Amino acid sequence: HTTSLGHVWNRAWADIAATRKGRDAELIVSCDS
C-alpha cells in the first residue's frame, strides 16, 4: 500500500499505549520528511 512511514510508526506507538501507561516514555521524531 502507498502510505507514509510516519503514519505507520505513529500507529505502532499508539498500539502500545497500554504497555507504556504510567511510564515516562516519549517518541522523538527528528526529520522533516
PDB file of all heavy atoms in Angstrom:
ATOM      1  N   HIS A   1       0.872  -1.188   0.000  1.00  0.00           N
ATOM      2  CA  HIS A   1       0.000   0.000   0.000  1.00  0.00           C
ATOM      3  C   HIS A   1       0.902   1.229   0.000  1.00  0.00           C
ATOM      4  O   HIS A   1       1.994   1.210   0.571  1.00  0.00           O
ATOM      5  CB  HIS A   1      -0.911   0.035   1.234  1.00  0.00           C
ATOM      6  CG  HIS A   1      -1.783  -1.177   1.372  1.00  0.00           C
ATOM      7  ND1 HIS A   1      -2.954  -1.338   0.675  1.00  0.00           N
ATOM      8  CD2 HIS A   1      -1.623  -2.303   2.117  1.00  0.00           C
ATOM      9  CE1 HIS A   1      -3.495  -2.503   0.995  1.00  0.00           C
ATOM     10  NE2 HIS A   1      -2.702  -3.110   1.881  1.00  0.00           N
ATOM     11  N   THR A   2       0.447   2.288  -0.632  1.00  0.00           N
ATOM     12  CA  THR A   2       1.192   3.542  -0.605  1.00  0.00           C
ATOM     13  C   THR A   2       0.787   4.325   0.638  1.00  0.00           C
ATOM     14  O   THR A   2      -0.395   4.634   0.835  1.00  0.00           O
ATOM     15  CB  THR A   2       0.910   4.372  -1.869  1.00  0.00           C
ATOM     16  OG1 THR A   2       1.297   3.608  -3.016  1.00  0.00           O
ATOM     17  CG2 THR A   2       1.703   5.672  -1.844  1.00  0.00           C
ATOM     18  N   THR A   3       1.765   4.621   1.472  1.00  0.00           N
ATOM     19  CA  THR A   3       1.488   5.339   2.718  1.00  0.00           C
ATOM     20  C   THR A   3       2.756   6.074   3.128  1.00  0.00           C
ATOM     21  O   THR A   3       3.766   6.040   2.433  1.00  0.00           O
ATOM     22  CB  THR A   3       1.053   4.352   3.820  1.00  0.00           C
ATOM     23  OG1 THR A   3       0.675   5.082   4.991  1.00  0.00           O
ATOM     24  CG2 THR A   3       2.183   3.398   4.167  1.00  0.00           C
ATOM     25  N   SER A   4       2.685   6.752   4.269  1.00  0.00           N
ATOM     26  CA  SER A   4       3.872   7.418   4.804  1.00  0.00           C
ATOM     27  C   SER A   4       4.381   6.616   5.997  1.00  0.00           C
ATOM     28  O   SER A   4       3.587   6.055   6.769  1.00  0.00           O
ATOM     29  CB  SER A   4       3.545   8.847   5.243  1.00  0.00           C
ATOM     30  OG  SER A   4       2.729   8.845   6.399  1.00  0.00           O
ATOM     31  N   LEU A   5       5.698   6.552   6.137  1.00  0.00           N
ATOM     32  CA  LEU A   5       6.272   5.818   7.267  1.00  0.00           C
ATOM     33  C   LEU A   5       5.885   6.458   8.590  1.00  0.00           C
ATOM     34  O   LEU A   5       5.721   5.776   9.597  1.00  0.00           O
ATOM     35  CB  LEU A   5       7.796   5.760   7.123  1.00  0.00           C
ATOM     36  CG  LEU A   5       8.338   4.684   6.177  1.00  0.00           C
ATOM     37  CD1 LEU A   5       9.841   4.827   6.006  1.00  0.00           C
ATOM     38  CD2 LEU A   5       8.017   3.289   6.705  1.00  0.00           C
ATOM     39  N   GLY A   6       5.762   7.785   8.589  1.00  0.00           N
ATOM     40  CA  GLY A   6       5.353   8.460   9.820  1.00  0.00           C
ATOM     41  C   GLY A   6       4.010   7.977  10.311  1.00  0.00           C
ATOM     42  O   GLY A   6       3.798   7.778  11.520  1.00  0.00           O
ATOM     43  N   HIS A   7       3.075   7.754   9.380  1.00  0.00           N
ATOM     44  CA  HIS A   7       1.761   7.232   9.749  1.00  0.00           C
ATOM     45  C   HIS A   7       1.892   5.847  10.359  1.00  0.00           C
ATOM     46  O   HIS A   7       1.210   5.515  11.347  1.00  0.00           O
ATOM     47  CB  HIS A   7       0.879   7.188   8.498  1.00  0.00           C
ATOM     48  CG  HIS A   7      -0.463   6.571   8.719  1.00  0.00           C
ATOM     49  ND1 HIS A   7      -1.454   7.185   9.463  1.00  0.00           N
ATOM     50  CD2 HIS A   7      -0.974   5.370   8.301  1.00  0.00           C
ATOM     51  CE1 HIS A   7      -2.525   6.396   9.499  1.00  0.00           C
ATOM     52  NE2 HIS A   7      -2.257   5.297   8.799  1.00  0.00           N
ATOM     53  N   VAL A   8       2.811   5.022   9.818  1.00  0.00           N
ATOM     54  CA  VAL A   8       2.973   3.643  10.287  1.00  0.00           C
ATOM     55  C   VAL A   8       3.551   3.611  11.698  1.00  0.00           C
ATOM     56  O   VAL A   8       3.029   2.924  12.585  1.00  0.00           O
ATOM     57  CB  VAL A   8       3.888   2.854   9.314  1.00  0.00           C
ATOM     58  CG1 VAL A   8       4.179   1.463   9.858  1.00  0.00           C
ATOM     59  CG2 VAL A   8       3.225   2.754   7.951  1.00  0.00           C
ATOM     60  N   TRP A   9       4.640   4.355  11.939  1.00  0.00           N
ATOM     61  CA  TRP A   9       5.232   4.276  13.284  1.00  0.00           C
ATOM     62  C   TRP A   9       4.374   4.984  14.333  1.00  0.00           C
ATOM     63  O   TRP A   9       4.400   4.613  15.497  1.00  0.00           O
ATOM     64  CB  TRP A   9       6.680   4.740  13.294  1.00  0.00           C
ATOM     65  CG  TRP A   9       6.958   6.202  13.066  1.00  0.00           C
ATOM     66  CD1 TRP A   9       6.478   7.252  13.768  1.00  0.00           C
ATOM     67  CD2 TRP A   9       7.829   6.754  12.061  1.00  0.00           C
ATOM     68  NE1 TRP A   9       6.986   8.431  13.281  1.00  0.00           N
ATOM     69  CE2 TRP A   9       7.823   8.155  12.243  1.00  0.00           C
ATOM     70  CE3 TRP A   9       8.618   6.218  11.070  1.00  0.00           C
ATOM     71  CZ2 TRP A   9       8.567   9.014  11.436  1.00  0.00           C
ATOM     72  CZ3 TRP A   9       9.364   7.064  10.283  1.00  0.00           C
ATOM     73  CH2 TRP A   9       9.325   8.448  10.453  1.00  0.00           C
ATOM     74  N   ASN A  10       3.591   5.990  13.929  1.00  0.00           N
ATOM     75  CA  ASN A  10       2.676   6.622  14.888  1.00  0.00           C
ATOM     76  C   ASN A  10       1.580   5.660  15.322  1.00  0.00           C
ATOM     77  O   ASN A  10       1.180   5.640  16.499  1.00  0.00           O
ATOM     78  CB  ASN A  10       2.068   7.886  14.280  1.00  0.00           C
ATOM     79  CG  ASN A  10       3.057   9.041  14.258  1.00  0.00           C
ATOM     80  OD1 ASN A  10       3.920   9.145  15.136  1.00  0.00           O
ATOM     81  ND2 ASN A  10       2.974   9.904  13.255  1.00  0.00           N
ATOM     82  N   ARG A  11       1.073   4.863  14.394  1.00  0.00           N
ATOM     83  CA  ARG A  11       0.060   3.869  14.754  1.00  0.00           C
ATOM     84  C   ARG A  11       0.673   2.794  15.665  1.00  0.00           C
ATOM     85  O   ARG A  11       0.026   2.342  16.619  1.00  0.00           O
ATOM     86  CB  ARG A  11      -0.515   3.227  13.495  1.00  0.00           C
ATOM     87  CG  ARG A  11      -1.499   4.121  12.757  1.00  0.00           C
ATOM     88  CD  ARG A  11      -2.132   3.427  11.579  1.00  0.00           C
ATOM     89  NE  ARG A  11      -2.790   2.178  11.948  1.00  0.00           N
ATOM     90  CZ  ARG A  11      -3.503   1.434  11.102  1.00  0.00           C
ATOM     91  NH1 ARG A  11      -3.624   1.816   9.840  1.00  0.00           N
ATOM     92  NH2 ARG A  11      -4.084   0.325  11.500  1.00  0.00           N
ATOM     93  N   ALA A  12       1.909   2.390  15.358  1.00  0.00           N
ATOM     94  CA  ALA A  12       2.560   1.394  16.208  1.00  0.00           C
ATOM     95  C   ALA A  12       2.761   1.935  17.625  1.00  0.00           C
ATOM     96  O   ALA A  12       2.582   1.205  18.618  1.00  0.00           O
ATOM     97  CB  ALA A  12       3.903   0.983  15.589  1.00  0.00           C
ATOM     98  N   TRP A  13       3.142   3.212  17.724  1.00  0.00           N
ATOM     99  CA  TRP A  13       3.325   3.835  19.037  1.00  0.00           C
ATOM    100  C   TRP A  13       2.003   3.902  19.801  1.00  0.00           C
ATOM    101  O   TRP A  13       1.955   3.682  21.017  1.00  0.00           O
ATOM    102  CB  TRP A  13       3.925   5.218  18.845  1.00  0.00           C
ATOM    103  CG  TRP A  13       4.250   5.957  20.123  1.00  0.00           C
ATOM    104  CD1 TRP A  13       3.624   7.051  20.631  1.00  0.00           C
ATOM    105  CD2 TRP A  13       5.295   5.647  21.054  1.00  0.00           C
ATOM    106  NE1 TRP A  13       4.197   7.450  21.809  1.00  0.00           N
ATOM    107  CE2 TRP A  13       5.233   6.598  22.092  1.00  0.00           C
ATOM    108  CE3 TRP A  13       6.273   4.662  21.101  1.00  0.00           C
ATOM    109  CZ2 TRP A  13       6.120   6.591  23.158  1.00  0.00           C
ATOM    110  CZ3 TRP A  13       7.154   4.651  22.180  1.00  0.00           C
ATOM    111  CH2 TRP A  13       7.067   5.622  23.195  1.00  0.00           C
ATOM    112  N   ALA A  14       0.924   4.187  19.070  1.00  0.00           N
ATOM    113  CA  ALA A  14      -0.394   4.229  19.706  1.00  0.00           C
ATOM    114  C   ALA A  14      -0.835   2.843  20.162  1.00  0.00           C
ATOM    115  O   ALA A  14      -1.504   2.697  21.197  1.00  0.00           O
ATOM    116  CB  ALA A  14      -1.420   4.822  18.737  1.00  0.00           C
ATOM    117  N   ASP A  15      -0.454   1.813  19.413  1.00  0.00           N
ATOM    118  CA  ASP A  15      -0.859   0.445  19.757  1.00  0.00           C
ATOM    119  C   ASP A  15      -0.297  -0.012  21.098  1.00  0.00           C
ATOM    120  O   ASP A  15      -0.890  -0.880  21.758  1.00  0.00           O
ATOM    121  CB  ASP A  15      -0.403  -0.530  18.661  1.00  0.00           C
ATOM    122  CG  ASP A  15      -1.223  -0.396  17.393  1.00  0.00           C
ATOM    123  OD1 ASP A  15      -2.307   0.213  17.450  1.00  0.00           O
ATOM    124  OD2 ASP A  15      -0.770  -0.907  16.343  1.00  0.00           O
ATOM    125  N   ILE A  16       0.843   0.528  21.499  1.00  0.00           N
ATOM    126  CA  ILE A  16       1.459   0.083  22.755  1.00  0.00           C
ATOM    127  C   ILE A  16       1.185   1.081  23.880  1.00  0.00           C
ATOM    128  O   ILE A  16       1.946   1.152  24.843  1.00  0.00           O
ATOM    129  CB  ILE A  16       2.974  -0.137  22.583  1.00  0.00           C
ATOM    130  CG1 ILE A  16       3.679   1.161  22.175  1.00  0.00           C
ATOM    131  CG2 ILE A  16       3.257  -1.228  21.573  1.00  0.00           C
ATOM    132  CD1 ILE A  16       5.204   1.059  22.213  1.00  0.00           C
ATOM    133  N   ALA A  17       0.112   1.833  23.755  1.00  0.00           N
ATOM    134  CA  ALA A  17      -0.242   2.815  24.794  1.00  0.00           C
ATOM    135  C   ALA A  17      -0.407   2.134  26.149  1.00  0.00           C
ATOM    136  O   ALA A  17       0.021   2.664  27.187  1.00  0.00           O
ATOM    137  CB  ALA A  17      -1.519   3.560  24.402  1.00  0.00           C
ATOM    138  N   ALA A  18      -1.004   0.947  26.154  1.00  0.00           N
ATOM    139  CA  ALA A  18      -1.211   0.243  27.422  1.00  0.00           C
ATOM    140  C   ALA A  18       0.124  -0.196  28.023  1.00  0.00           C
ATOM    141  O   ALA A  18       0.314  -0.163  29.247  1.00  0.00           O
ATOM    142  CB  ALA A  18      -2.111  -0.970  27.194  1.00  0.00           C
ATOM    143  N   THR A  19       1.074  -0.583  27.162  1.00  0.00           N
ATOM    144  CA  THR A  19       2.384  -1.040  27.648  1.00  0.00           C
ATOM    145  C   THR A  19       3.163   0.094  28.306  1.00  0.00           C
ATOM    146  O   THR A  19       3.853  -0.111  29.318  1.00  0.00           O
ATOM    147  CB  THR A  19       3.211  -1.615  26.483  1.00  0.00           C
ATOM    148  OG1 THR A  19       2.463  -2.653  25.857  1.00  0.00           O
ATOM    149  CG2 THR A  19       4.531  -2.171  26.979  1.00  0.00           C
ATOM    150  N   ARG A  20       3.061   1.317  27.754  1.00  0.00           N
ATOM    151  CA  ARG A  20       3.822   2.442  28.305  1.00  0.00           C
ATOM    152  C   ARG A  20       3.013   3.290  29.286  1.00  0.00           C
ATOM    153  O   ARG A  20       3.474   4.347  29.726  1.00  0.00           O
ATOM    154  CB  ARG A  20       4.346   3.306  27.165  1.00  0.00           C
ATOM    155  CG  ARG A  20       3.310   3.807  26.198  1.00  0.00           C
ATOM    156  CD  ARG A  20       3.968   4.444  24.962  1.00  0.00           C
ATOM    157  NE  ARG A  20       3.012   4.757  23.929  1.00  0.00           N
ATOM    158  CZ  ARG A  20       2.284   5.856  23.849  1.00  0.00           C
ATOM    159  NH1 ARG A  20       2.396   6.780  24.798  1.00  0.00           N
ATOM    160  NH2 ARG A  20       1.439   6.061  22.860  1.00  0.00           N
ATOM    161  N   LYS A  21       1.800   2.816  29.628  1.00  0.00           N
ATOM    162  CA  LYS A  21       0.969   3.562  30.565  1.00  0.00           C
ATOM    163  C   LYS A  21       1.666   3.680  31.918  1.00  0.00           C
ATOM    164  O   LYS A  21       2.187   2.708  32.464  1.00  0.00           O
ATOM    165  CB  LYS A  21      -0.375   2.860  30.732  1.00  0.00           C
ATOM    166  CG  LYS A  21      -1.340   3.630  31.611  1.00  0.00           C
ATOM    167  CD  LYS A  21      -2.682   2.913  31.694  1.00  0.00           C
ATOM    168  CE  LYS A  21      -3.657   3.694  32.578  1.00  0.00           C
ATOM    169  NZ  LYS A  21      -4.977   3.002  32.671  1.00  0.00           N
ATOM    170  N   GLY A  22       1.715   4.884  32.428  1.00  0.00           N
ATOM    171  CA  GLY A  22       2.349   5.133  33.719  1.00  0.00           C
ATOM    172  C   GLY A  22       3.856   5.298  33.640  1.00  0.00           C
ATOM    173  O   GLY A  22       4.506   5.484  34.676  1.00  0.00           O
ATOM    174  N   ARG A  23       4.417   5.270  32.445  1.00  0.00           N
ATOM    175  CA  ARG A  23       5.863   5.421  32.304  1.00  0.00           C
ATOM    176  C   ARG A  23       6.192   6.758  31.639  1.00  0.00           C
ATOM    177  O   ARG A  23       5.389   7.320  30.891  1.00  0.00           O
ATOM    178  CB  ARG A  23       6.444   4.279  31.475  1.00  0.00           C
ATOM    179  CG  ARG A  23       6.245   2.906  32.113  1.00  0.00           C
ATOM    180  CD  ARG A  23       7.109   1.877  31.438  1.00  0.00           C
ATOM    181  NE  ARG A  23       8.527   2.202  31.543  1.00  0.00           N
ATOM    182  CZ  ARG A  23       9.496   1.463  31.025  1.00  0.00           C
ATOM    183  NH1 ARG A  23       9.180   0.339  30.388  1.00  0.00           N
ATOM    184  NH2 ARG A  23      10.758   1.820  31.142  1.00  0.00           N
ATOM    185  N   ASP A  24       7.391   7.233  31.900  1.00  0.00           N
ATOM    186  CA  ASP A  24       7.866   8.458  31.257  1.00  0.00           C
ATOM    187  C   ASP A  24       8.550   8.056  29.952  1.00  0.00           C
ATOM    188  O   ASP A  24       9.761   7.851  29.897  1.00  0.00           O
ATOM    189  CB  ASP A  24       8.855   9.186  32.179  1.00  0.00           C
ATOM    190  CG  ASP A  24       9.358  10.498  31.574  1.00  0.00           C
ATOM    191  OD1 ASP A  24       8.891  10.855  30.470  1.00  0.00           O
ATOM    192  OD2 ASP A  24      10.222  11.143  32.200  1.00  0.00           O
ATOM    193  N   ALA A  25       7.745   7.898  28.901  1.00  0.00           N
ATOM    194  CA  ALA A  25       8.244   7.438  27.608  1.00  0.00           C
ATOM    195  C   ALA A  25       7.827   8.411  26.525  1.00  0.00           C
ATOM    196  O   ALA A  25       6.676   8.858  26.484  1.00  0.00           O
ATOM    197  CB  ALA A  25       7.715   6.045  27.293  1.00  0.00           C
ATOM    198  N   GLU A  26       8.762   8.737  25.633  1.00  0.00           N
ATOM    199  CA  GLU A  26       8.490   9.719  24.573  1.00  0.00           C
ATOM    200  C   GLU A  26       9.116   9.259  23.263  1.00  0.00           C
ATOM    201  O   GLU A  26      10.237   8.772  23.236  1.00  0.00           O
ATOM    202  CB  GLU A  26       9.054  11.080  24.968  1.00  0.00           C
ATOM    203  CG  GLU A  26       8.771  12.181  23.967  1.00  0.00           C
ATOM    204  CD  GLU A  26       9.342  13.526  24.379  1.00  0.00           C
ATOM    205  OE1 GLU A  26       9.936  13.606  25.486  1.00  0.00           O
ATOM    206  OE2 GLU A  26       9.227  14.488  23.597  1.00  0.00           O
ATOM    207  N   LEU A  27       8.354   9.405  22.195  1.00  0.00           N
ATOM    208  CA  LEU A  27       8.835   9.132  20.855  1.00  0.00           C
ATOM    209  C   LEU A  27       9.218  10.457  20.206  1.00  0.00           C
ATOM    210  O   LEU A  27       8.390  11.343  20.042  1.00  0.00           O
ATOM    211  CB  LEU A  27       7.765   8.426  20.019  1.00  0.00           C
ATOM    212  CG  LEU A  27       8.159   8.062  18.585  1.00  0.00           C
ATOM    213  CD1 LEU A  27       9.282   7.032  18.583  1.00  0.00           C
ATOM    214  CD2 LEU A  27       6.952   7.548  17.802  1.00  0.00           C
ATOM    215  N   ILE A  28      10.500  10.594  19.838  1.00  0.00           N
ATOM    216  CA  ILE A  28      11.013  11.848  19.266  1.00  0.00           C
ATOM    217  C   ILE A  28      11.333  11.609  17.798  1.00  0.00           C
ATOM    218  O   ILE A  28      12.153  10.753  17.462  1.00  0.00           O
ATOM    219  CB  ILE A  28      12.283  12.318  20.013  1.00  0.00           C
ATOM    220  CG1 ILE A  28      11.982  12.466  21.510  1.00  0.00           C
ATOM    221  CG2 ILE A  28      12.809  13.618  19.428  1.00  0.00           C
ATOM    222  CD1 ILE A  28      13.235  12.672  22.354  1.00  0.00           C
ATOM    223  N   VAL A  29      10.683  12.367  16.938  1.00  0.00           N
ATOM    224  CA  VAL A  29      10.903  12.247  15.501  1.00  0.00           C
ATOM    225  C   VAL A  29      11.697  13.462  15.035  1.00  0.00           C
ATOM    226  O   VAL A  29      11.215  14.593  15.120  1.00  0.00           O
ATOM    227  CB  VAL A  29       9.574  12.142  14.727  1.00  0.00           C
ATOM    228  CG1 VAL A  29       9.852  12.034  13.230  1.00  0.00           C
ATOM    229  CG2 VAL A  29       8.775  10.947  15.216  1.00  0.00           C
ATOM    230  N   SER A  30      12.924  13.224  14.565  1.00  0.00           N
ATOM    231  CA  SER A  30      13.783  14.338  14.141  1.00  0.00           C
ATOM    232  C   SER A  30      14.020  14.245  12.635  1.00  0.00           C
ATOM    233  O   SER A  30      15.082  13.849  12.179  1.00  0.00           O
ATOM    234  CB  SER A  30      15.120  14.303  14.893  1.00  0.00           C
ATOM    235  OG  SER A  30      15.758  13.049  14.709  1.00  0.00           O
ATOM    236  N   CYS A  31      12.980  14.567  11.865  1.00  0.00           N
ATOM    237  CA  CYS A  31      13.103  14.586  10.407  1.00  0.00           C
ATOM    238  C   CYS A  31      12.030  15.520   9.849  1.00  0.00           C
ATOM    239  O   CYS A  31      10.997  15.751  10.464  1.00  0.00           O
ATOM    240  CB  CYS A  31      12.970  13.183   9.813  1.00  0.00           C
ATOM    241  SG  CYS A  31      11.394  12.396  10.143  1.00  0.00           S
ATOM    242  N   ASP A  32      12.332  16.051   8.664  1.00  0.00           N
ATOM    243  CA  ASP A  32      11.406  16.975   8.012  1.00  0.00           C
ATOM    244  C   ASP A  32      10.537  16.287   6.976  1.00  0.00           C
ATOM    245  O   ASP A  32       9.696  16.924   6.339  1.00  0.00           O
ATOM    246  CB  ASP A  32      12.194  18.109   7.319  1.00  0.00           C
ATOM    247  CG  ASP A  32      13.025  18.899   8.312  1.00  0.00           C
ATOM    248  OD1 ASP A  32      12.557  19.040   9.460  1.00  0.00           O
ATOM    249  OD2 ASP A  32      14.120  19.359   7.937  1.00  0.00           O
ATOM    250  N   SER A  33      10.747  14.986   6.789  1.00  0.00           N
ATOM    251  CA  SER A  33      10.014  14.290   5.726  1.00  0.00           C
ATOM    252  C   SER A  33       9.226  13.119   6.285  1.00  0.00           C
ATOM    253  O   SER A  33       9.221  12.026   5.740  1.00  0.00           O
ATOM    254  CB  SER A  33      11.004  13.789   4.675  1.00  0.00           C
ATOM    255  OG  SER A  33      12.056  13.047   5.289  1.00  0.00           O
TER     256      SER A  33
END
